[in-house]
Structure formats: structure tokens, C-alpha cells
Amino acid sequence: MNNGDETLIVMLKSRIQKVYDNEKLFMQKFFEPEHGEWEELLEFYMASERCRIAVLDTTGCTTTTTFKTSEILDWLRTI
């Protein structure tokens, strides 16, 4: 693995961790307006164009949806 790859991995890990560290704010901004109440953010996956989340809702079901990566990155810059 070259240094550029390691830098990218570090950057991705820090952004993913920031989402989990601010889970409630993230979910209020991105998930709740369309999907409503939730229990736990199970997965957050970043890719170049879309980010995927998996969420445990209040009924025990898992909901999976995606958001534009650019919107997530813009939001991360504000917190």
C-alpha cells in the first residue's frame, strides 16, 4: 500500500468516525425527515458518489438508504 492509499484510508476513517460521534445530529439531518424514528445507526459506508446507511428502526426492522456523498461532506464541515 502506498502513502496515498494510507492517507485516503485515514481520511475516510476520520469522517466515518465523525458521523458515529455525531450520530444523533446526523440522523436528525438525513434520516428522520424522510423515515422518522430510529433506534440505532448500524452501518455507515462512504463511496465516491453515494453514502449508504443501515438503520434499526423502532419496530425492529432494518432500513437501508443512500445519500449524496457531497451532502454528507458538506454537513461534516459544519459540525
C-alpha atoms as a PDB file:
ATOM      1  CA  MET A   1       0.000   0.000   0.000  1.00  0.00           C
ATOM      2  CA  ASN A   2       1.467   3.363  -0.945  1.00  0.00           C
ATOM      3  CA  ASN A   3       1.370   6.535   1.132  1.00  0.00           C
ATOM      4  CA  GLY A   4      -1.539   7.996  -0.880  1.00  0.00           C
ATOM      5  CA  ASP A   5      -3.689   4.960  -0.099  1.00  0.00           C
ATOM      6  CA  GLU A   6      -2.860   5.214   3.595  1.00  0.00           C
ATOM      7  CA  THR A   7      -3.790   8.902   3.619  1.00  0.00           C
ATOM      8  CA  LEU A   8      -7.139   8.163   1.959  1.00  0.00           C
ATOM      9  CA  ILE A   9      -7.892   5.421   4.482  1.00  0.00           C
ATOM     10  CA  VAL A  10      -7.085   7.740   7.400  1.00  0.00           C
ATOM     11  CA  MET A  11      -9.313  10.468   5.940  1.00  0.00           C
ATOM     12  CA  LEU A  12     -12.215   8.057   5.382  1.00  0.00           C
ATOM     13  CA  LYS A  13     -11.905   6.589   8.870  1.00  0.00           C
ATOM     14  CA  SER A  14     -11.936  10.045  10.449  1.00  0.00           C
ATOM     15  CA  ARG A  15     -15.052  11.114   8.546  1.00  0.00           C
ATOM     16  CA  ILE A  16     -16.872   7.866   9.264  1.00  0.00           C
ATOM     17  CA  GLN A  17     -15.960   8.153  12.949  1.00  0.00           C
ATOM     18  CA  LYS A  18     -17.220  11.747  12.986  1.00  0.00           C
ATOM     19  CA  VAL A  19     -20.609  10.546  11.715  1.00  0.00           C
ATOM     20  CA  TYR A  20     -20.814   7.968  14.523  1.00  0.00           C
ATOM     21  CA  ASP A  21     -19.610  10.520  17.092  1.00  0.00           C
ATOM     22  CA  ASN A  22     -22.440  12.827  15.975  1.00  0.00           C
ATOM     23  CA  GLU A  23     -24.988  10.089  15.288  1.00  0.00           C
ATOM     24  CA  LYS A  24     -28.000  11.921  16.679  1.00  0.00           C
ATOM     25  CA  LEU A  25     -27.308  15.105  14.667  1.00  0.00           C
ATOM     26  CA  PHE A  26     -26.630  13.054  11.550  1.00  0.00           C
ATOM     27  CA  MET A  27     -29.850  11.108  11.873  1.00  0.00           C
ATOM     28  CA  GLN A  28     -31.890  14.253  12.562  1.00  0.00           C
ATOM     29  CA  LYS A  29     -30.498  15.871   9.426  1.00  0.00           C
ATOM     30  CA  PHE A  30     -30.541  12.959   6.973  1.00  0.00           C
ATOM     31  CA  PHE A  31     -32.751  10.100   8.175  1.00  0.00           C
ATOM     32  CA  GLU A  32     -35.586  11.466  10.316  1.00  0.00           C
ATOM     33  CA  PRO A  33     -37.105  13.899   7.782  1.00  0.00           C
ATOM     34  CA  GLU A  34     -37.986  11.082   5.395  1.00  0.00           C
ATOM     35  CA  HIS A  35     -38.058   7.945   7.542  1.00  0.00           C
ATOM     36  CA  GLY A  36     -38.990   9.057  11.059  1.00  0.00           C
ATOM     37  CA  GLU A  37     -37.929   7.498  14.337  1.00  0.00           C
ATOM     38  CA  TRP A  38     -34.951   5.187  14.690  1.00  0.00           C
ATOM     39  CA  GLU A  39     -33.090   3.195  17.335  1.00  0.00           C
ATOM     40  CA  GLU A  40     -29.517   2.778  16.099  1.00  0.00           C
ATOM     41  CA  LEU A  41     -27.260   3.569  13.170  1.00  0.00           C
ATOM     42  CA  LEU A  42     -25.971   0.113  12.261  1.00  0.00           C
ATOM     43  CA  GLU A  43     -23.776   0.914   9.261  1.00  0.00           C
ATOM     44  CA  PHE A  44     -22.321   3.952   7.543  1.00  0.00           C
ATOM     45  CA  TYR A  45     -20.463   3.335   4.273  1.00  0.00           C
ATOM     46  CA  MET A  46     -18.811   6.033   2.170  1.00  0.00           C
ATOM     47  CA  ALA A  47     -18.224   5.826  -1.567  1.00  0.00           C
ATOM     48  CA  SER A  48     -17.359   8.427  -4.177  1.00  0.00           C
ATOM     49  CA  GLU A  49     -20.923   9.334  -5.189  1.00  0.00           C
ATOM     50  CA  ARG A  50     -23.244   7.928  -2.508  1.00  0.00           C
ATOM     51  CA  CYS A  51     -23.063   7.040   1.193  1.00  0.00           C
ATOM     52  CA  ARG A  52     -25.130   4.100   2.417  1.00  0.00           C
ATOM     53  CA  ILE A  53     -26.599   3.725   5.883  1.00  0.00           C
ATOM     54  CA  ALA A  54     -28.372   0.870   7.578  1.00  0.00           C
ATOM     55  CA  VAL A  55     -30.626   1.834  10.478  1.00  0.00           C
ATOM     56  CA  LEU A  56     -32.519  -0.168  13.070  1.00  0.00           C
ATOM     57  CA  ASP A  57     -35.931   1.442  13.399  1.00  0.00           C
ATOM     58  CA  THR A  58     -38.255   1.465  16.395  1.00  0.00           C
ATOM     59  CA  THR A  59     -40.164  -1.608  15.156  1.00  0.00           C
ATOM     60  CA  GLY A  60     -37.012  -3.746  14.969  1.00  0.00           C
ATOM     61  CA  CYS A  61     -36.724  -3.577  11.178  1.00  0.00           C
ATOM     62  CA  THR A  62     -33.632  -2.511   9.292  1.00  0.00           C
ATOM     63  CA  THR A  63     -33.901   0.305   6.773  1.00  0.00           C
ATOM     64  CA  THR A  64     -31.158   0.913   4.213  1.00  0.00           C
ATOM     65  CA  THR A  65     -30.901   4.114   2.202  1.00  0.00           C
ATOM     66  CA  THR A  66     -28.315   6.303   0.487  1.00  0.00           C
ATOM     67  CA  PHE A  67     -27.398   9.972   0.398  1.00  0.00           C
ATOM     68  CA  LYS A  68     -25.115  12.013  -1.822  1.00  0.00           C
ATOM     69  CA  THR A  69     -21.554  11.893  -0.542  1.00  0.00           C
ATOM     70  CA  SER A  70     -21.145  15.604  -1.291  1.00  0.00           C
ATOM     71  CA  GLU A  71     -24.078  16.417   1.031  1.00  0.00           C
ATOM     72  CA  ILE A  72     -22.564  14.335   3.825  1.00  0.00           C
ATOM     73  CA  LEU A  73     -19.159  16.010   3.395  1.00  0.00           C
ATOM     74  CA  ASP A  74     -20.761  19.465   3.399  1.00  0.00           C
ATOM     75  CA  TRP A  75     -22.594  18.612   6.619  1.00  0.00           C
ATOM     76  CA  LEU A  76     -19.426  17.266   8.245  1.00  0.00           C
ATOM     77  CA  ARG A  77     -17.693  20.590   7.579  1.00  0.00           C
ATOM     78  CA  THR A  78     -20.396  22.408   9.573  1.00  0.00           C
ATOM     79  CA  ILE A  79     -20.069  20.434  12.805  1.00  0.00           C
END
